Amino acid sequence: MYRLSHLQWENTVRDALGLPAAPGLASGFSKDAIDAFSNDGEALSVSDQLRLDYAQAAQTLAERVTHDPAAFARLVPSNAPSDFAGRARAFIGELGRRAHRRPLDDAELEEYFALFRQTATIDAAPDPFMAGAEIVVEAMLQSPYFLYRLELTAGSGRVRLDGYEMAAKLSYALANTMPDEALFSAAASGRLATAAGVSAEANRLLTSLGVGPARRFHAELFALDDYAQIQKDVQVLPQWVPALASSMRQEADLFLGEVFQTGHDLTDLLTAPFTFVDANLAPLYDVAAPSGRGFARVELDPAKRAGFLTRLGFLAEFAGSVDPDIIHRGVFINERLLCVQLPPPATNVFPPLPTGLATNRERIEAITGQGTCGESCHGRWMNPAGIAFEHYDALGRYRDTDNGQPVDSADTYPFADGARSYDDAIGFSRALAESVDTHRCYAQNWLRYLQARSLREGDTPLVEWLADASQRGLSVKDLVLAVVTNDSFLARLP
């Protein structure tokens, strides 16, 4: 049982009810306390408060769609019988197919019809059919078959998902919403019973959705939504304006989307010197601004920029209001790109940063480097990864000096497959791209996201195969395709 994430709930309501846009009601739901991907089915549950949130939202939506003639007309099949009972059953059957993500069985159909008929009989509304429809919509939106993606096919050993379960799993993995009509058709025809059939539908979805499958994954993996909270001290950095945060987010989406859509691999994501800029970002990269208000692709100086980690958004997000943040840049890279499980922060508070030292690196190493209480963790894992990016200030601009002193960004990182030394972020990004640790972590994260669960012991062979293939140039899109066509995705354990 995989409860829908709030994003999936919004998208599914939109598609099940034929709304022109997601209703936006989930923004008022109680928040999910998870530290993994937001679709992690093992962490999502329904609290008492969320149950009330669902009930209120279902009532609001049921009233909205049944009292709007155009919206209501979209819910009643055009070929529905004209008699009351026949039209009601046609309405229930079609809405139930979408809300449950499978055809209703006879018992379910009659149960909903009994509710429909009872409400239509006792309600004082001038339109009994609309009254019955309203209560059915409200009930379906609170059904566990709507709120959860269910895998209930019986069996022993590894159980192959049935067609409708497979359609839902594939659609939520790639599109974060219910199956479209083509997937429903594939499920009904039995085409999803074979790996070839699933592969064909996965390829179709990846083609039709464009960069969509990668946008949400990378937004969560790389904390792109947090860009909206970036703030800087304008007394020290007068170039900062709030519009830069939005531009940085769009740049990240465009860069990562280009990597996914055009067949690039993880190495390109980490080392490619191109990006997309608008008039806000161009001066920070020291490139010419594009004409107009939009974005344009530009090539950056490969001696100064290499891949996502040297893009403005990442560098500005993991920086203070004035100075770069070595520690949090390092923590992010360790946890998100290398899957290093860092120990929890020490309970003792570090002393204030020394003021008598010239550079940011000197100040950080004075309290977390060799010979300090932070040596074992900060000095070994966090600092080397963060120090590599000392050539970039709190806005992400390239710099050669820090407080009048030459920037020193050289260090050594202890990769599991061997320590690597580097002079700067360019060398460190290349070292990341060449390490199997990075490819393994990226594969693990895609597997967790697409499967909507944590890793299991049985996932290890697939992760190792994906890591090896990624290191040898498997594109990000083909990595996704490999996951959703693997037997572990097509089946479940009992």
Protein backbone atom coordinates (compact mmCIF):
# COMPACT_ATOMS: atom_id res chain seq x y z
CA MET A 1 0.00 0.00 0.00
CA TYR A 2 1.53 3.30 -1.12
CA ARG A 3 -0.29 6.42 0.01
CA LEU A 4 -0.30 9.13 -2.62
CA SER A 5 2.04 12.01 -1.92
CA HIS A 6 0.40 15.42 -1.76
CA LEU A 7 1.70 16.18 -5.27
CA GLN A 8 0.30 12.90 -6.56
CA TRP A 9 -3.03 13.57 -4.84
CA GLU A 10 -3.27 16.97 -6.57
CA ASN A 11 -2.43 15.55 -9.98
CA THR A 12 -4.75 12.56 -9.57
CA VAL A 13 -7.71 14.71 -8.51
CA ARG A 14 -7.11 16.88 -11.56
CA ASP A 15 -7.04 13.94 -13.95
CA ALA A 16 -9.76 11.83 -12.32
CA LEU A 17 -12.22 14.73 -12.29
CA GLY A 18 -11.12 16.21 -15.61
CA LEU A 19 -10.17 19.55 -14.07
CA PRO A 20 -8.22 22.07 -16.14
CA ALA A 21 -5.61 22.38 -13.38
CA ALA A 22 -4.69 20.87 -10.03
CA PRO A 23 -7.02 22.27 -7.36
CA GLY A 24 -4.29 23.47 -4.99
CA LEU A 25 -6.01 22.12 -1.88
CA ALA A 26 -3.11 19.95 -0.72
CA SER A 27 -1.16 23.05 0.25
CA GLY A 28 -3.41 23.16 3.32
CA PHE A 29 -2.94 19.49 4.24
CA SER A 30 -0.92 18.50 7.28
CA LYS A 31 2.70 18.12 6.25
CA ASP A 32 4.41 14.77 5.86
CA ALA A 33 7.37 14.24 8.19
CA ILE A 34 9.76 12.37 5.90
CA ASP A 35 13.44 12.83 5.13
CA ALA A 36 13.51 10.73 1.97
CA PHE A 37 11.72 11.34 -1.31
CA SER A 38 8.20 12.72 -0.90
CA ASN A 39 6.66 9.65 -2.57
CA ASP A 40 8.24 7.17 -0.10
CA GLY A 41 5.36 4.77 0.47
CA GLU A 42 6.97 3.32 3.57
CA ALA A 43 6.94 6.70 5.30
CA LEU A 44 3.57 8.09 4.20
CA SER A 45 0.55 7.47 6.40
CA VAL A 46 -2.85 9.02 7.16
CA SER A 47 -3.02 10.81 10.49
CA ASP A 48 -6.29 11.88 12.10
CA GLN A 49 -5.68 15.41 10.87
CA LEU A 50 -4.90 14.31 7.33
CA ARG A 51 -8.06 12.19 7.31
CA LEU A 52 -10.03 15.33 8.12
CA ASP A 53 -8.10 17.24 5.45
CA TYR A 54 -9.02 14.59 2.88
CA ALA A 55 -12.68 14.70 3.96
CA GLN A 56 -12.89 18.49 3.66
CA ALA A 57 -11.14 18.46 0.30
CA ALA A 58 -13.44 15.72 -1.01
CA GLN A 59 -16.52 17.69 0.04
CA THR A 60 -15.17 20.88 -1.57
CA LEU A 61 -14.31 19.14 -4.84
CA ALA A 62 -17.56 17.17 -5.03
CA GLU A 63 -19.58 20.33 -4.67
CA ARG A 64 -17.38 22.19 -7.12
CA VAL A 65 -17.58 19.70 -9.98
CA THR A 66 -21.23 18.73 -9.63
CA HIS A 67 -22.48 22.34 -9.39
CA ASP A 68 -20.53 23.41 -12.46
CA PRO A 69 -22.48 22.24 -15.55
CA ALA A 70 -19.39 22.09 -17.79
CA ALA A 71 -17.33 20.21 -15.20
CA PHE A 72 -20.19 17.84 -14.41
CA ALA A 73 -20.75 17.10 -18.09
CA ARG A 74 -17.17 15.84 -18.34
CA LEU A 75 -17.87 13.25 -15.64
CA VAL A 76 -20.92 11.67 -17.30
CA PRO A 77 -20.05 9.45 -20.31
CA SER A 78 -21.48 10.80 -23.54
CA ASN A 79 -22.93 7.38 -24.36
CA ALA A 80 -24.61 6.93 -20.96
CA PRO A 81 -28.20 5.58 -21.04
CA SER A 82 -30.95 8.16 -20.62
CA ASP A 83 -32.80 6.41 -17.77
CA PHE A 84 -31.90 7.43 -14.21
CA ALA A 85 -30.42 4.12 -13.04
CA GLY A 86 -28.53 3.43 -16.26
CA ARG A 87 -27.08 6.95 -16.37
CA ALA A 88 -26.09 6.75 -12.69
CA ARG A 89 -24.33 3.42 -13.14
CA ALA A 90 -22.50 4.71 -16.23
CA PHE A 91 -21.34 7.76 -14.27
CA ILE A 92 -20.24 5.63 -11.32
CA GLY A 93 -18.46 3.10 -13.51
CA GLU A 94 -16.49 5.69 -15.44
CA LEU A 95 -15.51 7.81 -12.43
CA GLY A 96 -14.73 4.68 -10.44
CA ARG A 97 -12.41 3.39 -13.17
CA ARG A 98 -10.38 6.59 -12.94
CA ALA A 99 -10.56 7.05 -9.17
CA HIS A 100 -9.75 3.40 -8.38
CA ARG A 101 -7.35 3.14 -11.35
CA ARG A 102 -9.15 -0.05 -12.44
CA PRO A 103 -12.71 -1.08 -13.37
CA LEU A 104 -15.09 -1.43 -10.42
CA ASP A 105 -16.33 -4.93 -9.73
CA ASP A 106 -20.09 -5.56 -9.59
CA ALA A 107 -20.26 -5.34 -5.78
CA GLU A 108 -18.45 -2.01 -5.72
CA LEU A 109 -20.63 -0.62 -8.48
CA GLU A 110 -23.80 -1.57 -6.63
CA GLU A 111 -22.51 -0.22 -3.33
CA TYR A 112 -21.83 3.18 -4.89
CA PHE A 113 -25.17 3.04 -6.72
CA ALA A 114 -27.00 2.38 -3.44
CA LEU A 115 -25.35 5.47 -1.95
CA PHE A 116 -26.21 7.46 -5.07
CA ARG A 117 -29.86 6.38 -5.05
CA GLN A 118 -30.32 6.91 -1.31
CA THR A 119 -28.95 10.45 -1.46
CA ALA A 120 -30.92 11.29 -4.58
CA THR A 121 -34.09 10.12 -2.83
CA ILE A 122 -33.74 11.93 0.48
CA ASP A 123 -31.89 15.05 -0.59
CA ALA A 124 -34.05 18.12 -1.06
CA ALA A 125 -31.92 19.46 -3.92
CA PRO A 126 -33.82 20.37 -7.08
CA ASP A 127 -31.67 17.96 -9.14
CA PRO A 128 -31.67 14.47 -7.55
CA PHE A 129 -29.09 13.14 -10.05
CA MET A 130 -26.65 15.91 -9.17
CA ALA A 131 -27.20 15.26 -5.46
CA GLY A 132 -26.45 11.57 -5.87
CA ALA A 133 -23.41 12.30 -7.99
CA GLU A 134 -22.05 14.74 -5.44
CA ILE A 135 -22.07 12.21 -2.60
CA VAL A 136 -20.50 9.55 -4.82
CA VAL A 137 -17.66 11.88 -5.81
CA GLU A 138 -17.13 12.74 -2.15
CA ALA A 139 -17.05 9.04 -1.21
CA MET A 140 -14.69 8.00 -4.01
CA LEU A 141 -12.18 10.70 -3.12
CA GLN A 142 -11.96 9.25 0.39
CA SER A 143 -11.77 5.61 -0.68
CA PRO A 144 -8.53 3.79 0.15
CA TYR A 145 -8.51 2.74 -3.51
CA PHE A 146 -8.13 6.42 -4.36
CA LEU A 147 -5.82 7.53 -1.55
CA TYR A 148 -3.45 4.57 -1.92
CA ARG A 149 -1.77 2.85 -4.82
CA LEU A 150 -2.46 -0.77 -4.00
CA GLU A 151 -0.67 -3.98 -5.04
CA LEU A 152 -3.06 -6.75 -3.98
CA THR A 153 -2.53 -9.54 -6.52
CA ALA A 154 -2.31 -12.79 -4.55
CA GLY A 155 0.52 -15.27 -4.93
CA SER A 156 3.69 -16.66 -3.39
CA GLY A 157 7.30 -15.86 -4.09
CA ARG A 158 7.78 -12.95 -6.46
CA VAL A 159 4.28 -11.89 -7.52
CA ARG A 160 3.83 -10.30 -10.94
CA LEU A 161 1.63 -7.20 -10.78
CA ASP A 162 -1.61 -7.35 -12.75
CA GLY A 163 -2.17 -4.99 -15.67
CA TYR A 164 -3.90 -2.21 -13.75
CA GLU A 165 -1.44 -2.37 -10.86
CA MET A 166 1.39 -2.15 -13.37
CA ALA A 167 -0.23 0.78 -15.18
CA ALA A 168 -0.61 2.70 -11.92
CA LYS A 169 2.91 1.93 -10.71
CA LEU A 170 4.46 3.01 -14.00
CA SER A 171 2.38 6.16 -14.25
CA TYR A 172 3.03 7.31 -10.70
CA ALA A 173 6.75 6.55 -11.05
CA LEU A 174 7.16 8.62 -14.20
CA ALA A 175 4.28 11.12 -14.21
CA ASN A 176 3.24 11.38 -10.54
CA THR A 177 -0.38 10.87 -11.50
CA MET A 178 -2.94 8.23 -12.47
CA PRO A 179 -2.65 6.31 -15.76
CA ASP A 180 -3.69 8.01 -18.98
CA GLU A 181 -6.12 6.38 -21.40
CA ALA A 182 -3.33 4.67 -23.36
CA LEU A 183 -2.09 2.99 -20.18
CA PHE A 184 -5.64 1.96 -19.21
CA SER A 185 -6.00 0.45 -22.68
CA ALA A 186 -2.70 -1.42 -22.35
CA ALA A 187 -3.81 -2.78 -18.97
CA ALA A 188 -7.21 -3.89 -20.28
CA SER A 189 -5.71 -5.61 -23.33
CA GLY A 190 -3.10 -7.54 -21.36
CA ARG A 191 -0.15 -5.81 -23.04
CA LEU A 192 1.37 -4.99 -19.64
CA ALA A 193 1.67 -8.68 -18.83
CA THR A 194 4.98 -8.81 -20.74
CA ALA A 195 8.23 -6.95 -20.20
CA ALA A 196 8.10 -5.85 -23.84
CA GLY A 197 4.68 -4.32 -23.33
CA VAL A 198 5.81 -2.44 -20.23
CA SER A 199 8.93 -1.25 -22.05
CA ALA A 200 6.83 0.08 -24.94
CA GLU A 201 4.59 2.04 -22.56
CA ALA A 202 7.56 3.31 -20.55
CA ASN A 203 9.19 4.56 -23.75
CA ARG A 204 5.94 6.23 -24.79
CA LEU A 205 5.61 7.99 -21.45
CA LEU A 206 9.24 9.11 -21.43
CA THR A 207 8.74 10.56 -24.91
CA SER A 208 5.43 12.27 -24.19
CA LEU A 209 6.38 13.61 -20.75
CA GLY A 210 9.64 15.18 -21.92
CA VAL A 211 11.71 16.37 -18.98
CA GLY A 212 8.86 15.79 -16.50
CA PRO A 213 10.09 12.47 -15.03
CA ALA A 214 13.46 14.01 -14.15
CA ARG A 215 12.20 17.40 -12.97
CA ARG A 216 10.58 16.21 -9.73
CA PHE A 217 13.36 13.70 -9.00
CA HIS A 218 16.10 16.28 -9.34
CA ALA A 219 14.06 18.92 -7.53
CA GLU A 220 13.94 16.69 -4.48
CA LEU A 221 17.43 15.20 -4.76
CA PHE A 222 19.10 18.57 -5.27
CA ALA A 223 16.74 20.62 -3.01
CA LEU A 224 15.77 22.94 -5.86
CA ASP A 225 12.58 24.09 -4.13
CA ASP A 226 14.77 25.63 -1.43
CA TYR A 227 16.13 28.16 -3.91
CA ALA A 228 13.02 30.25 -3.21
CA GLN A 229 14.37 30.93 0.30
CA ILE A 230 17.82 32.17 -0.78
CA GLN A 231 18.65 35.52 0.80
CA LYS A 232 21.83 37.59 0.84
CA ASP A 233 23.12 40.63 2.69
CA VAL A 234 22.58 43.40 0.13
CA GLN A 235 24.92 45.70 2.06
CA VAL A 236 27.79 43.34 1.24
CA LEU A 237 26.36 41.86 -1.98
CA PRO A 238 24.37 44.66 -3.64
CA GLN A 239 24.03 42.55 -6.80
CA TRP A 240 21.48 40.37 -5.01
CA VAL A 241 17.85 40.93 -5.96
CA PRO A 242 14.97 38.54 -5.17
CA ALA A 243 14.41 37.82 -8.88
CA LEU A 244 17.74 35.99 -8.93
CA ALA A 245 16.28 33.12 -6.88
CA SER A 246 13.60 32.43 -9.49
CA SER A 247 16.13 32.68 -12.31
CA MET A 248 18.47 30.26 -10.54
CA ARG A 249 15.66 27.73 -10.20
CA GLN A 250 14.73 28.03 -13.86
CA GLU A 251 18.37 27.64 -14.85
CA ALA A 252 18.64 24.44 -12.81
CA ASP A 253 15.46 23.02 -14.36
CA LEU A 254 16.65 23.86 -17.86
CA PHE A 255 20.15 22.45 -17.36
CA LEU A 256 18.98 19.21 -15.74
CA GLY A 257 16.16 18.89 -18.26
CA GLU A 258 18.63 19.21 -21.12
CA VAL A 259 20.79 16.49 -19.59
CA PHE A 260 17.80 14.16 -19.32
CA GLN A 261 16.05 14.92 -22.58
CA THR A 262 19.03 14.86 -24.93
CA GLY A 263 20.65 11.62 -23.82
CA HIS A 264 23.38 12.93 -21.55
CA ASP A 265 24.72 10.82 -18.71
CA LEU A 266 25.68 11.50 -15.11
CA THR A 267 29.21 12.44 -16.14
CA ASP A 268 27.76 15.24 -18.30
CA LEU A 269 25.53 16.35 -15.42
CA LEU A 270 28.66 16.76 -13.28
CA THR A 271 31.12 18.13 -15.85
CA ALA A 272 29.33 19.77 -18.80
CA PRO A 273 30.32 23.46 -19.18
CA PHE A 274 27.03 24.67 -20.74
CA THR A 275 24.07 26.23 -19.00
CA PHE A 276 21.07 28.51 -19.60
CA VAL A 277 21.04 32.17 -18.59
CA ASP A 278 18.70 35.13 -18.66
CA ALA A 279 19.47 38.80 -18.16
CA ASN A 280 19.61 38.29 -14.38
CA LEU A 281 22.16 35.46 -14.41
CA ALA A 282 24.42 36.44 -17.31
CA PRO A 283 26.44 39.07 -15.38
CA LEU A 284 27.16 36.59 -12.59
CA TYR A 285 28.63 34.19 -15.15
CA ASP A 286 30.45 36.98 -17.02
CA VAL A 287 28.68 36.12 -20.27
CA ALA A 288 26.61 38.23 -22.63
CA ALA A 289 22.95 38.48 -21.72
CA PRO A 290 20.48 37.00 -24.23
CA SER A 291 18.18 39.31 -26.12
CA GLY A 292 14.68 39.57 -24.70
CA ARG A 293 13.45 38.29 -21.35
CA GLY A 294 13.93 34.57 -21.87
CA PHE A 295 16.73 32.09 -21.35
CA ALA A 296 19.39 31.08 -23.84
CA ARG A 297 21.94 28.30 -23.80
CA VAL A 298 25.52 29.47 -23.35
CA GLU A 299 28.91 27.81 -23.13
CA LEU A 300 30.86 28.66 -19.99
CA ASP A 301 34.61 28.77 -19.43
CA PRO A 302 35.53 25.08 -18.83
CA ALA A 303 38.40 26.20 -16.61
CA LYS A 304 35.88 27.78 -14.22
CA ARG A 305 32.63 25.84 -14.59
CA ALA A 306 31.94 22.12 -14.70
CA GLY A 307 28.45 20.71 -14.33
CA PHE A 308 25.64 21.19 -11.86
CA LEU A 309 27.79 21.79 -8.78
CA THR A 310 29.27 24.94 -10.32
CA ARG A 311 25.89 26.41 -11.22
CA LEU A 312 24.77 29.55 -9.43
CA GLY A 313 21.76 28.06 -7.69
CA PHE A 314 23.63 25.28 -5.88
CA LEU A 315 26.45 27.61 -4.88
CA ALA A 316 24.13 30.38 -3.65
CA GLU A 317 21.80 28.01 -1.78
CA PHE A 318 24.67 26.45 0.13
CA ALA A 319 26.23 29.70 1.22
CA GLY A 320 25.63 32.19 3.96
CA SER A 321 24.35 35.71 3.51
CA VAL A 322 27.93 36.91 2.93
CA ASP A 323 30.37 33.99 2.65
CA PRO A 324 30.39 30.54 1.02
CA ASP A 325 29.38 27.70 3.33
CA ILE A 326 32.06 25.02 3.16
CA ILE A 327 30.34 22.76 5.67
CA HIS A 328 26.88 22.67 4.10
CA ARG A 329 28.23 22.38 0.58
CA GLY A 330 30.26 19.42 1.81
CA VAL A 331 27.36 17.83 3.68
CA PHE A 332 25.12 18.08 0.64
CA ILE A 333 27.65 16.44 -1.69
CA ASN A 334 28.38 13.65 0.78
CA GLU A 335 24.75 12.85 1.45
CA ARG A 336 23.10 13.48 -1.92
CA LEU A 337 25.82 12.60 -4.42
CA LEU A 338 27.86 9.99 -2.56
CA CYS A 339 25.25 8.48 -0.19
CA VAL A 340 27.67 8.83 2.72
CA GLN A 341 25.85 8.38 6.03
CA LEU A 342 27.36 11.14 8.09
CA PRO A 343 27.13 10.92 11.89
CA PRO A 344 24.67 13.30 13.56
CA PRO A 345 26.02 16.73 14.47
CA ALA A 346 27.92 16.93 17.72
CA THR A 347 25.94 18.12 20.71
CA ASN A 348 28.63 20.62 21.62
CA VAL A 349 28.40 23.94 19.78
CA PHE A 350 31.38 24.99 17.69
CA PRO A 351 33.02 28.23 18.81
CA PRO A 352 32.41 31.36 16.75
CA LEU A 353 34.45 31.65 13.57
CA PRO A 354 37.79 33.32 14.26
CA THR A 355 38.05 36.88 13.04
CA GLY A 356 41.81 37.16 12.80
CA LEU A 357 42.12 34.80 9.82
CA ALA A 358 41.88 36.09 6.28
CA THR A 359 40.11 33.43 4.23
CA ASN A 360 36.89 31.52 4.64
CA ARG A 361 38.81 28.23 4.43
CA GLU A 362 41.18 29.26 7.21
CA ARG A 363 38.32 30.20 9.50
CA ILE A 364 36.43 26.94 8.92
CA GLU A 365 39.50 24.75 9.30
CA ALA A 366 40.40 26.53 12.52
CA ILE A 367 37.33 25.03 14.21
CA THR A 368 36.76 21.83 12.17
CA GLY A 369 40.12 20.90 10.65
CA GLN A 370 42.98 18.75 11.87
CA GLY A 371 43.56 18.92 15.61
CA THR A 372 39.99 20.08 16.35
CA CYS A 373 36.94 18.24 17.69
CA GLY A 374 35.54 18.19 14.15
CA GLU A 375 38.58 16.51 12.60
CA SER A 376 37.17 12.98 12.28
CA CYS A 377 34.04 13.98 10.36
CA HIS A 378 34.37 17.54 9.08
CA GLY A 379 38.05 17.26 8.36
CA ARG A 380 37.75 13.90 6.59
CA TRP A 381 34.44 14.08 4.71
CA MET A 382 32.69 17.44 4.75
CA ASN A 383 35.48 19.97 4.45
CA PRO A 384 37.33 18.42 1.47
CA ALA A 385 34.10 18.33 -0.57
CA GLY A 386 33.11 21.88 0.36
CA ILE A 387 36.60 23.38 0.06
CA ALA A 388 36.70 22.40 -3.62
CA PHE A 389 34.15 25.18 -4.26
CA GLU A 390 35.98 28.04 -2.53
CA HIS A 391 36.49 29.73 -5.90
CA TYR A 392 32.77 30.65 -5.80
CA ASP A 393 31.42 33.34 -3.54
CA ALA A 394 28.05 33.46 -1.79
CA LEU A 395 26.34 34.42 -5.09
CA GLY A 396 28.13 31.71 -7.03
CA ARG A 397 30.44 34.12 -8.84
CA TYR A 398 33.93 32.93 -9.66
CA ARG A 399 36.72 34.53 -7.64
CA ASP A 400 40.50 34.18 -7.47
CA THR A 401 40.93 35.90 -4.11
CA ASP A 402 39.17 35.83 -0.77
CA ASN A 403 39.63 38.89 1.41
CA GLY A 404 42.68 39.82 -0.62
CA GLN A 405 44.31 36.38 -0.33
CA PRO A 406 44.62 33.79 -3.13
CA VAL A 407 41.89 31.17 -2.97
CA ASP A 408 43.14 27.70 -2.02
CA SER A 409 40.59 25.06 -3.12
CA ALA A 410 42.93 22.06 -3.31
CA ASP A 411 42.25 19.03 -1.15
CA THR A 412 41.88 15.24 -1.12
CA TYR A 413 38.63 13.31 -0.77
CA PRO A 414 38.57 9.69 0.51
CA PHE A 415 36.31 8.01 -2.04
CA ALA A 416 35.47 4.41 -1.18
CA ASP A 417 37.21 3.30 -4.37
CA GLY A 418 40.35 5.31 -3.57
CA ALA A 419 41.37 8.78 -2.40
CA ARG A 420 41.55 11.47 -5.07
CA SER A 421 43.35 14.81 -4.92
CA TYR A 422 42.25 17.86 -6.90
CA ASP A 423 43.05 21.55 -7.25
CA ASP A 424 39.54 22.97 -7.50
CA ALA A 425 35.87 22.30 -8.26
CA ILE A 426 36.69 21.35 -11.84
CA GLY A 427 39.00 18.59 -10.69
CA PHE A 428 36.67 17.51 -7.91
CA SER A 429 33.68 17.34 -10.27
CA ARG A 430 35.75 15.19 -12.61
CA ALA A 431 36.76 12.98 -9.68
CA LEU A 432 33.09 12.60 -8.72
CA ALA A 433 32.21 11.68 -12.30
CA GLU A 434 34.97 9.06 -12.42
CA SER A 435 34.14 7.44 -9.08
CA VAL A 436 31.83 4.44 -9.01
CA ASP A 437 30.66 5.74 -5.61
CA THR A 438 28.87 8.63 -7.33
CA HIS A 439 27.27 6.45 -10.00
CA ARG A 440 26.16 3.93 -7.39
CA CYS A 441 24.57 6.64 -5.25
CA TYR A 442 22.78 8.19 -8.23
CA ALA A 443 21.44 4.78 -9.26
CA GLN A 444 20.30 4.09 -5.69
CA ASN A 445 18.41 7.36 -5.57
CA TRP A 446 16.64 6.73 -8.87
CA LEU A 447 15.70 3.24 -7.71
CA ARG A 448 14.30 4.57 -4.43
CA TYR A 449 12.35 7.29 -6.21
CA LEU A 450 10.87 5.11 -8.96
CA GLN A 451 10.06 2.24 -6.61
CA ALA A 452 8.70 4.65 -3.95
CA ARG A 453 10.43 2.71 -1.18
CA SER A 454 13.76 2.25 0.55
CA LEU A 455 16.40 -0.08 -0.81
CA ARG A 456 16.34 -3.81 0.00
CA GLU A 457 19.08 -6.39 0.03
CA GLY A 458 17.77 -7.86 -3.20
CA ASP A 459 18.28 -4.53 -4.98
CA THR A 460 22.08 -4.73 -4.74
CA PRO A 461 22.74 -6.58 -8.04
CA LEU A 462 20.60 -4.10 -9.98
CA VAL A 463 22.25 -1.12 -8.30
CA GLU A 464 25.71 -2.45 -9.11
CA TRP A 465 24.75 -3.11 -12.73
CA LEU A 466 23.27 0.37 -13.08
CA ALA A 467 26.33 1.97 -11.48
CA ASP A 468 28.66 0.15 -13.85
CA ALA A 469 26.52 1.00 -16.88
CA SER A 470 26.25 4.64 -15.79
CA GLN A 471 30.00 4.87 -15.37
CA ARG A 472 30.38 3.51 -18.91
CA GLY A 473 28.03 6.15 -20.33
CA LEU A 474 24.44 4.95 -19.83
CA SER A 475 22.26 8.02 -20.27
CA VAL A 476 20.09 9.22 -17.41
CA LYS A 477 16.95 8.48 -19.44
CA ASP A 478 18.10 4.95 -20.24
CA LEU A 479 18.92 4.41 -16.57
CA VAL A 480 15.31 5.26 -15.73
CA LEU A 481 14.06 2.93 -18.43
CA ALA A 482 16.26 0.14 -17.09
CA VAL A 483 14.74 0.50 -13.61
CA VAL A 484 11.08 0.50 -14.69
CA THR A 485 11.53 -2.52 -16.97
CA ASN A 486 13.48 -4.58 -14.45
CA ASP A 487 11.78 -7.59 -12.88
CA SER A 488 11.97 -5.99 -9.45
CA PHE A 489 9.72 -3.19 -10.73
CA LEU A 490 7.29 -5.51 -12.54
CA ALA A 491 6.70 -7.70 -9.51
CA ARG A 492 6.48 -7.51 -5.74
CA LEU A 493 7.41 -9.70 -2.85
CA PRO A 494 4.46 -11.22 -0.90
